[in-house]
């Protein structure tokens, strides 16, 4: 399935992650040459959204790095800063279903495909916390009132759209403190208080401890892979 996805890259298998990375670079070439009409439907969809292409690339690279891959091919497009291609109401849930059909119970991505709204929310909650505390509380209350068999297409779309926004400084710090609580006892701390470190440094330490210990909650979290794409 050659496409540029909207859902978090953590859901993609190794092959799909690498395929999207290649396609994104091809799309950038077409868009920057002002010839999207001569390319694929993807290139037409992303025409005028250079900033979003750059940010999607950063998300892909962050996930690739988490899985042990390196990337030295930056994307420098900047058009349409802060804007993403439109996302239909059913698109996010449809993409998750496409992955379920493709995987067929076999190899998945880093994050397991969600079986219900509660699991989907658990996977995204720290990413949302890093962006909007009020939204975090609203969604949390809503999901708490949902049953396991309830449709969660609207939730999938809302979460996907929420993660297109950059984290706030205070929200990021709050999310990192919660994430640190999952791994703070996994090994001896060295030097100064880890929570006093710069966000980028603390994120790397959290990633290291999660990968070293296999801590399951954060290992299945979107925040573990996507937050580094927003932090310098």
C-alpha atoms as a PDB file:
ATOM      1  CA  UNK A   1       0.000   0.000   0.000  1.00  0.00           C
ATOM      2  CA  UNK A   2       1.987   2.939  -1.304  1.00  0.00           C
ATOM      3  CA  UNK A   3       0.599   6.079   0.314  1.00  0.00           C
ATOM      4  CA  UNK A   4       1.349   8.883   2.731  1.00  0.00           C
ATOM      5  CA  UNK A   5      -0.655   8.030   5.820  1.00  0.00           C
ATOM      6  CA  UNK A   6      -2.405  10.367   8.224  1.00  0.00           C
ATOM      7  CA  UNK A   7      -2.428   8.098  11.275  1.00  0.00           C
ATOM      8  CA  UNK A   8       0.578   7.827  13.540  1.00  0.00           C
ATOM      9  CA  UNK A   9       3.618   6.095  11.966  1.00  0.00           C
ATOM     10  CA  UNK A  10       3.874   3.846  15.004  1.00  0.00           C
ATOM     11  CA  UNK A  11       1.063   1.732  13.558  1.00  0.00           C
ATOM     12  CA  UNK A  12       3.022   0.993  10.383  1.00  0.00           C
ATOM     13  CA  UNK A  13       5.008  -2.175   9.877  1.00  0.00           C
ATOM     14  CA  UNK A  14       8.661  -1.860   8.936  1.00  0.00           C
ATOM     15  CA  UNK A  15       7.899  -2.340   5.249  1.00  0.00           C
ATOM     16  CA  UNK A  16       5.062   0.201   5.199  1.00  0.00           C
ATOM     17  CA  UNK A  17       7.132   2.707   7.151  1.00  0.00           C
ATOM     18  CA  UNK A  18      10.002   2.480   4.681  1.00  0.00           C
ATOM     19  CA  UNK A  19       7.605   2.570   1.720  1.00  0.00           C
ATOM     20  CA  UNK A  20       5.957   5.742   2.962  1.00  0.00           C
ATOM     21  CA  UNK A  21       9.355   7.324   3.499  1.00  0.00           C
ATOM     22  CA  UNK A  22      10.323   6.638  -0.113  1.00  0.00           C
ATOM     23  CA  UNK A  23       6.978   7.858  -1.448  1.00  0.00           C
ATOM     24  CA  UNK A  24       7.155  11.048   0.589  1.00  0.00           C
ATOM     25  CA  UNK A  25      10.501  11.951  -0.959  1.00  0.00           C
ATOM     26  CA  UNK A  26       9.106  11.248  -4.419  1.00  0.00           C
ATOM     27  CA  UNK A  27       6.112  13.449  -3.616  1.00  0.00           C
ATOM     28  CA  UNK A  28       8.376  16.264  -2.433  1.00  0.00           C
ATOM     29  CA  UNK A  29      10.213  16.176  -5.775  1.00  0.00           C
ATOM     30  CA  UNK A  30       6.967  16.448  -7.722  1.00  0.00           C
ATOM     31  CA  UNK A  31       5.540  19.195  -5.522  1.00  0.00           C
ATOM     32  CA  UNK A  32       8.704  21.308  -5.547  1.00  0.00           C
ATOM     33  CA  UNK A  33       8.898  21.013  -9.332  1.00  0.00           C
ATOM     34  CA  UNK A  34       5.317  22.326  -9.523  1.00  0.00           C
ATOM     35  CA  UNK A  35       4.221  19.204 -11.396  1.00  0.00           C
ATOM     36  CA  UNK A  36       1.883  17.414  -8.972  1.00  0.00           C
ATOM     37  CA  UNK A  37      -0.631  16.792 -11.772  1.00  0.00           C
ATOM     38  CA  UNK A  38       1.962  14.584 -13.489  1.00  0.00           C
ATOM     39  CA  UNK A  39       2.377  12.454 -10.423  1.00  0.00           C
ATOM     40  CA  UNK A  40       0.171  10.350  -8.217  1.00  0.00           C
ATOM     41  CA  UNK A  41      -2.986  11.201  -6.342  1.00  0.00           C
ATOM     42  CA  UNK A  42      -0.791  11.613  -3.278  1.00  0.00           C
ATOM     43  CA  UNK A  43       1.282  14.348  -4.909  1.00  0.00           C
ATOM     44  CA  UNK A  44      -1.889  16.224  -5.858  1.00  0.00           C
ATOM     45  CA  UNK A  45      -3.246  15.880  -2.321  1.00  0.00           C
ATOM     46  CA  UNK A  46      -0.081  17.293  -0.768  1.00  0.00           C
ATOM     47  CA  UNK A  47       0.456  20.115  -3.263  1.00  0.00           C
ATOM     48  CA  UNK A  48       0.627  23.381  -1.327  1.00  0.00           C
ATOM     49  CA  UNK A  49       1.285  21.598   1.970  1.00  0.00           C
ATOM     50  CA  UNK A  50       5.074  21.677   2.018  1.00  0.00           C
ATOM     51  CA  UNK A  51       5.251  22.370   5.750  1.00  0.00           C
ATOM     52  CA  UNK A  52       3.039  19.352   6.452  1.00  0.00           C
ATOM     53  CA  UNK A  53       5.206  17.162   4.205  1.00  0.00           C
ATOM     54  CA  UNK A  54       8.272  18.272   6.140  1.00  0.00           C
ATOM     55  CA  UNK A  55       6.567  17.550   9.444  1.00  0.00           C
ATOM     56  CA  UNK A  56       5.274  14.158   8.291  1.00  0.00           C
ATOM     57  CA  UNK A  57       8.826  13.354   7.253  1.00  0.00           C
ATOM     58  CA  UNK A  58      10.063  14.327  10.706  1.00  0.00           C
ATOM     59  CA  UNK A  59       7.459  12.004  12.224  1.00  0.00           C
ATOM     60  CA  UNK A  60       8.572   9.153   9.977  1.00  0.00           C
ATOM     61  CA  UNK A  61      12.226   9.749  10.801  1.00  0.00           C
ATOM     62  CA  UNK A  62      11.477   9.885  14.529  1.00  0.00           C
ATOM     63  CA  UNK A  63       9.742   6.501  14.282  1.00  0.00           C
ATOM     64  CA  UNK A  64      12.544   5.092  12.129  1.00  0.00           C
ATOM     65  CA  UNK A  65      15.109   6.264  14.684  1.00  0.00           C
ATOM     66  CA  UNK A  66      13.138   4.587  17.458  1.00  0.00           C
ATOM     67  CA  UNK A  67      13.335   1.330  15.511  1.00  0.00           C
ATOM     68  CA  UNK A  68      17.071   1.629  14.935  1.00  0.00           C
ATOM     69  CA  UNK A  69      17.188   3.229  11.473  1.00  0.00           C
ATOM     70  CA  UNK A  70      19.034   6.410  10.521  1.00  0.00           C
ATOM     71  CA  UNK A  71      17.998   9.012   7.951  1.00  0.00           C
ATOM     72  CA  UNK A  72      20.159  11.685   6.302  1.00  0.00           C
ATOM     73  CA  UNK A  73      17.688  12.963   3.708  1.00  0.00           C
ATOM     74  CA  UNK A  74      15.978  16.097   5.084  1.00  0.00           C
ATOM     75  CA  UNK A  75      12.836  17.643   3.646  1.00  0.00           C
ATOM     76  CA  UNK A  76      12.969  21.448   3.476  1.00  0.00           C
ATOM     77  CA  UNK A  77       9.585  22.383   2.014  1.00  0.00           C
ATOM     78  CA  UNK A  78       7.736  25.165   3.871  1.00  0.00           C
ATOM     79  CA  UNK A  79       4.525  26.143   2.043  1.00  0.00           C
ATOM     80  CA  UNK A  80       1.260  26.308   3.965  1.00  0.00           C
ATOM     81  CA  UNK A  81       2.834  26.532   7.407  1.00  0.00           C
ATOM     82  CA  UNK A  82       0.683  24.920  10.076  1.00  0.00           C
ATOM     83  CA  UNK A  83      -1.758  23.447   7.547  1.00  0.00           C
ATOM     84  CA  UNK A  84      -2.454  19.819   6.655  1.00  0.00           C
ATOM     85  CA  UNK A  85      -4.505  18.253   3.834  1.00  0.00           C
ATOM     86  CA  UNK A  86      -8.177  17.835   4.731  1.00  0.00           C
ATOM     87  CA  UNK A  87      -9.114  14.661   6.594  1.00  0.00           C
ATOM     88  CA  UNK A  88     -12.539  13.125   6.003  1.00  0.00           C
ATOM     89  CA  UNK A  89     -14.512  11.995   9.039  1.00  0.00           C
ATOM     90  CA  UNK A  90     -14.007   8.281   8.300  1.00  0.00           C
ATOM     91  CA  UNK A  91     -10.442   8.479   7.008  1.00  0.00           C
ATOM     92  CA  UNK A  92      -8.534   7.734  10.208  1.00  0.00           C
ATOM     93  CA  UNK A  93     -10.615   4.695  11.129  1.00  0.00           C
ATOM     94  CA  UNK A  94     -10.504   3.562   7.490  1.00  0.00           C
ATOM     95  CA  UNK A  95      -6.710   3.660   7.534  1.00  0.00           C
ATOM     96  CA  UNK A  96      -6.597   1.574  10.704  1.00  0.00           C
ATOM     97  CA  UNK A  97      -8.918  -0.942   9.048  1.00  0.00           C
ATOM     98  CA  UNK A  98      -6.733  -1.011   5.937  1.00  0.00           C
ATOM     99  CA  UNK A  99      -3.787  -1.952   8.124  1.00  0.00           C
ATOM    100  CA  UNK A 100      -5.824  -4.645   9.874  1.00  0.00           C
ATOM    101  CA  UNK A 101      -6.734  -6.147   6.500  1.00  0.00           C
ATOM    102  CA  UNK A 102      -3.138  -5.954   5.290  1.00  0.00           C
ATOM    103  CA  UNK A 103      -1.587  -7.440   8.424  1.00  0.00           C
ATOM    104  CA  UNK A 104      -4.160 -10.219   8.669  1.00  0.00           C
ATOM    105  CA  UNK A 105      -3.092 -11.055  12.192  1.00  0.00           C
ATOM    106  CA  UNK A 106       0.571 -11.161  11.190  1.00  0.00           C
ATOM    107  CA  UNK A 107       3.391  -8.625  11.524  1.00  0.00           C
ATOM    108  CA  UNK A 108       2.216  -5.248  12.809  1.00  0.00           C
ATOM    109  CA  UNK A 109       3.855  -1.964  13.680  1.00  0.00           C
ATOM    110  CA  UNK A 110       5.323  -0.895  16.986  1.00  0.00           C
ATOM    111  CA  UNK A 111       1.855   0.042  18.231  1.00  0.00           C
ATOM    112  CA  UNK A 112      -0.779  -2.729  18.108  1.00  0.00           C
ATOM    113  CA  UNK A 113      -3.896  -1.898  16.124  1.00  0.00           C
ATOM    114  CA  UNK A 114      -6.601  -0.838  18.610  1.00  0.00           C
ATOM    115  CA  UNK A 115      -9.547  -3.117  19.267  1.00  0.00           C
ATOM    116  CA  UNK A 116     -11.729  -0.474  20.892  1.00  0.00           C
ATOM    117  CA  UNK A 117     -11.941   3.189  21.895  1.00  0.00           C
ATOM    118  CA  UNK A 118     -10.277   2.562  25.246  1.00  0.00           C
ATOM    119  CA  UNK A 119      -7.166   1.060  23.683  1.00  0.00           C
ATOM    120  CA  UNK A 120      -6.989   3.777  21.025  1.00  0.00           C
ATOM    121  CA  UNK A 121      -7.177   6.455  23.715  1.00  0.00           C
ATOM    122  CA  UNK A 122      -4.547   4.768  25.872  1.00  0.00           C
ATOM    123  CA  UNK A 123      -2.184   4.811  22.890  1.00  0.00           C
ATOM    124  CA  UNK A 124      -2.735   8.538  22.219  1.00  0.00           C
ATOM    125  CA  UNK A 125      -3.321  10.026  25.665  1.00  0.00           C
ATOM    126  CA  UNK A 126       0.183  11.372  26.342  1.00  0.00           C
ATOM    127  CA  UNK A 127       0.357  12.912  22.872  1.00  0.00           C
ATOM    128  CA  UNK A 128      -2.888  14.769  23.573  1.00  0.00           C
ATOM    129  CA  UNK A 129      -1.737  15.730  27.078  1.00  0.00           C
ATOM    130  CA  UNK A 130       1.316  17.377  25.499  1.00  0.00           C
ATOM    131  CA  UNK A 131      -0.931  19.601  23.408  1.00  0.00           C
ATOM    132  CA  UNK A 132      -4.114  20.496  25.274  1.00  0.00           C
ATOM    133  CA  UNK A 133      -4.927  19.644  28.877  1.00  0.00           C
ATOM    134  CA  UNK A 134      -8.591  20.593  28.480  1.00  0.00           C
ATOM    135  CA  UNK A 135      -8.955  18.392  25.401  1.00  0.00           C
ATOM    136  CA  UNK A 136      -7.186  15.603  27.274  1.00  0.00           C
ATOM    137  CA  UNK A 137      -9.758  15.759  30.063  1.00  0.00           C
ATOM    138  CA  UNK A 138     -12.738  15.999  27.680  1.00  0.00           C
ATOM    139  CA  UNK A 139     -11.683  13.003  25.644  1.00  0.00           C
ATOM    140  CA  UNK A 140     -10.823  11.037  28.768  1.00  0.00           C
ATOM    141  CA  UNK A 141     -14.317  11.605  30.187  1.00  0.00           C
ATOM    142  CA  UNK A 142     -15.930  10.708  26.885  1.00  0.00           C
ATOM    143  CA  UNK A 143     -13.992   7.477  26.489  1.00  0.00           C
ATOM    144  CA  UNK A 144     -14.734   6.506  30.086  1.00  0.00           C
ATOM    145  CA  UNK A 145     -18.433   6.582  29.217  1.00  0.00           C
ATOM    146  CA  UNK A 146     -18.067   4.473  26.065  1.00  0.00           C
ATOM    147  CA  UNK A 147     -18.682   0.752  25.845  1.00  0.00           C
ATOM    148  CA  UNK A 148     -16.158  -1.641  24.361  1.00  0.00           C
ATOM    149  CA  UNK A 149     -18.269  -2.222  21.252  1.00  0.00           C
ATOM    150  CA  UNK A 150     -19.066   1.453  20.552  1.00  0.00           C
ATOM    151  CA  UNK A 151     -18.036   2.928  17.216  1.00  0.00           C
ATOM    152  CA  UNK A 152     -14.918   5.075  17.588  1.00  0.00           C
ATOM    153  CA  UNK A 153     -14.508   6.594  14.122  1.00  0.00           C
ATOM    154  CA  UNK A 154     -15.020  10.123  15.476  1.00  0.00           C
ATOM    155  CA  UNK A 155     -12.475   9.503  18.212  1.00  0.00           C
ATOM    156  CA  UNK A 156      -9.902   8.232  15.708  1.00  0.00           C
ATOM    157  CA  UNK A 157     -10.354  11.338  13.585  1.00  0.00           C
ATOM    158  CA  UNK A 158     -10.202  13.682  16.551  1.00  0.00           C
ATOM    159  CA  UNK A 159      -7.003  12.121  17.832  1.00  0.00           C
ATOM    160  CA  UNK A 160      -5.375  12.169  14.400  1.00  0.00           C
ATOM    161  CA  UNK A 161      -6.209  15.854  13.985  1.00  0.00           C
ATOM    162  CA  UNK A 162      -5.006  16.648  17.511  1.00  0.00           C
ATOM    163  CA  UNK A 163      -1.586  15.165  16.772  1.00  0.00           C
ATOM    164  CA  UNK A 164      -1.175  17.475  13.778  1.00  0.00           C
ATOM    165  CA  UNK A 165      -0.763  20.368  16.225  1.00  0.00           C
ATOM    166  CA  UNK A 166       2.574  21.085  17.904  1.00  0.00           C
ATOM    167  CA  UNK A 167       2.847  20.449  21.646  1.00  0.00           C
ATOM    168  CA  UNK A 168       2.802  23.404  24.007  1.00  0.00           C
ATOM    169  CA  UNK A 169       5.806  23.972  26.240  1.00  0.00           C
ATOM    170  CA  UNK A 170       3.874  23.361  29.445  1.00  0.00           C
ATOM    171  CA  UNK A 171       1.900  20.463  27.985  1.00  0.00           C
ATOM    172  CA  UNK A 172       5.066  18.770  26.785  1.00  0.00           C
ATOM    173  CA  UNK A 173       6.673  19.031  30.198  1.00  0.00           C
ATOM    174  CA  UNK A 174       3.540  17.651  31.858  1.00  0.00           C
ATOM    175  CA  UNK A 175       3.369  14.695  29.465  1.00  0.00           C
ATOM    176  CA  UNK A 176       7.064  13.916  29.918  1.00  0.00           C
ATOM    177  CA  UNK A 177       6.684  13.899  33.690  1.00  0.00           C
ATOM    178  CA  UNK A 178       3.854  11.369  33.400  1.00  0.00           C
ATOM    179  CA  UNK A 179       5.836   9.269  30.936  1.00  0.00           C
ATOM    180  CA  UNK A 180       8.886   9.365  33.195  1.00  0.00           C
ATOM    181  CA  UNK A 181       6.795   7.855  35.969  1.00  0.00           C
ATOM    182  CA  UNK A 182       6.549   4.631  33.949  1.00  0.00           C
ATOM    183  CA  UNK A 183      10.319   4.151  33.705  1.00  0.00           C
ATOM    184  CA  UNK A 184      11.882   6.151  36.550  1.00  0.00           C
ATOM    185  CA  UNK A 185      12.614   2.991  38.509  1.00  0.00           C
ATOM    186  CA  UNK A 186      13.915   0.892  35.615  1.00  0.00           C
ATOM    187  CA  UNK A 187      17.578   1.750  36.284  1.00  0.00           C
ATOM    188  CA  UNK A 188      19.784   3.893  38.458  1.00  0.00           C
ATOM    189  CA  UNK A 189      19.673   7.619  37.751  1.00  0.00           C
ATOM    190  CA  UNK A 190      22.981   9.372  37.249  1.00  0.00           C
ATOM    191  CA  UNK A 191      23.750  13.008  37.965  1.00  0.00           C
ATOM    192  CA  UNK A 192      21.084  15.677  38.299  1.00  0.00           C
ATOM    193  CA  UNK A 193      17.347  15.086  38.544  1.00  0.00           C
ATOM    194  CA  UNK A 194      16.229  13.770  35.119  1.00  0.00           C
ATOM    195  CA  UNK A 195      13.059  15.887  35.274  1.00  0.00           C
ATOM    196  CA  UNK A 196      15.242  19.003  35.291  1.00  0.00           C
ATOM    197  CA  UNK A 197      16.740  18.133  31.915  1.00  0.00           C
ATOM    198  CA  UNK A 198      15.817  19.735  28.600  1.00  0.00           C
ATOM    199  CA  UNK A 199      12.745  18.096  26.991  1.00  0.00           C
ATOM    200  CA  UNK A 200      14.769  16.631  24.118  1.00  0.00           C
ATOM    201  CA  UNK A 201      17.265  15.080  26.541  1.00  0.00           C
ATOM    202  CA  UNK A 202      14.536  13.716  28.803  1.00  0.00           C
ATOM    203  CA  UNK A 203      12.714  12.262  25.811  1.00  0.00           C
ATOM    204  CA  UNK A 204      15.826  10.393  24.716  1.00  0.00           C
ATOM    205  CA  UNK A 205      16.291   9.010  28.213  1.00  0.00           C
ATOM    206  CA  UNK A 206      12.664   7.882  28.326  1.00  0.00           C
ATOM    207  CA  UNK A 207      12.998   6.201  24.926  1.00  0.00           C
ATOM    208  CA  UNK A 208      16.201   4.476  26.021  1.00  0.00           C
ATOM    209  CA  UNK A 209      14.625   3.123  29.199  1.00  0.00           C
ATOM    210  CA  UNK A 210      11.458   1.978  27.423  1.00  0.00           C
ATOM    211  CA  UNK A 211      13.425   0.088  24.781  1.00  0.00           C
ATOM    212  CA  UNK A 212      15.786  -1.345  27.396  1.00  0.00           C
ATOM    213  CA  UNK A 213      13.050  -2.488  29.777  1.00  0.00           C
ATOM    214  CA  UNK A 214      10.283  -3.236  27.263  1.00  0.00           C
ATOM    215  CA  UNK A 215       7.846  -1.204  29.376  1.00  0.00           C
ATOM    216  CA  UNK A 216       4.589  -2.097  27.588  1.00  0.00           C
ATOM    217  CA  UNK A 217       2.443   0.992  28.106  1.00  0.00           C
ATOM    218  CA  UNK A 218       4.866   3.519  26.610  1.00  0.00           C
ATOM    219  CA  UNK A 219       6.104   1.058  24.017  1.00  0.00           C
ATOM    220  CA  UNK A 220       2.556   1.162  22.598  1.00  0.00           C
ATOM    221  CA  UNK A 221       2.292   4.951  22.921  1.00  0.00           C
ATOM    222  CA  UNK A 222       2.211   7.401  20.021  1.00  0.00           C
ATOM    223  CA  UNK A 223       4.049   9.937  22.197  1.00  0.00           C
ATOM    224  CA  UNK A 224       7.183   7.789  22.405  1.00  0.00           C
ATOM    225  CA  UNK A 225       7.728   8.104  18.664  1.00  0.00           C
ATOM    226  CA  UNK A 226       6.076  11.354  17.652  1.00  0.00           C
ATOM    227  CA  UNK A 227       7.049  13.875  20.340  1.00  0.00           C
ATOM    228  CA  UNK A 228      10.733  13.957  19.260  1.00  0.00           C
ATOM    229  CA  UNK A 229       9.582  15.196  15.829  1.00  0.00           C
ATOM    230  CA  UNK A 230       8.352  18.404  17.478  1.00  0.00           C
ATOM    231  CA  UNK A 231      11.208  18.997  19.918  1.00  0.00           C
ATOM    232  CA  UNK A 232      14.497  20.569  18.923  1.00  0.00           C
END
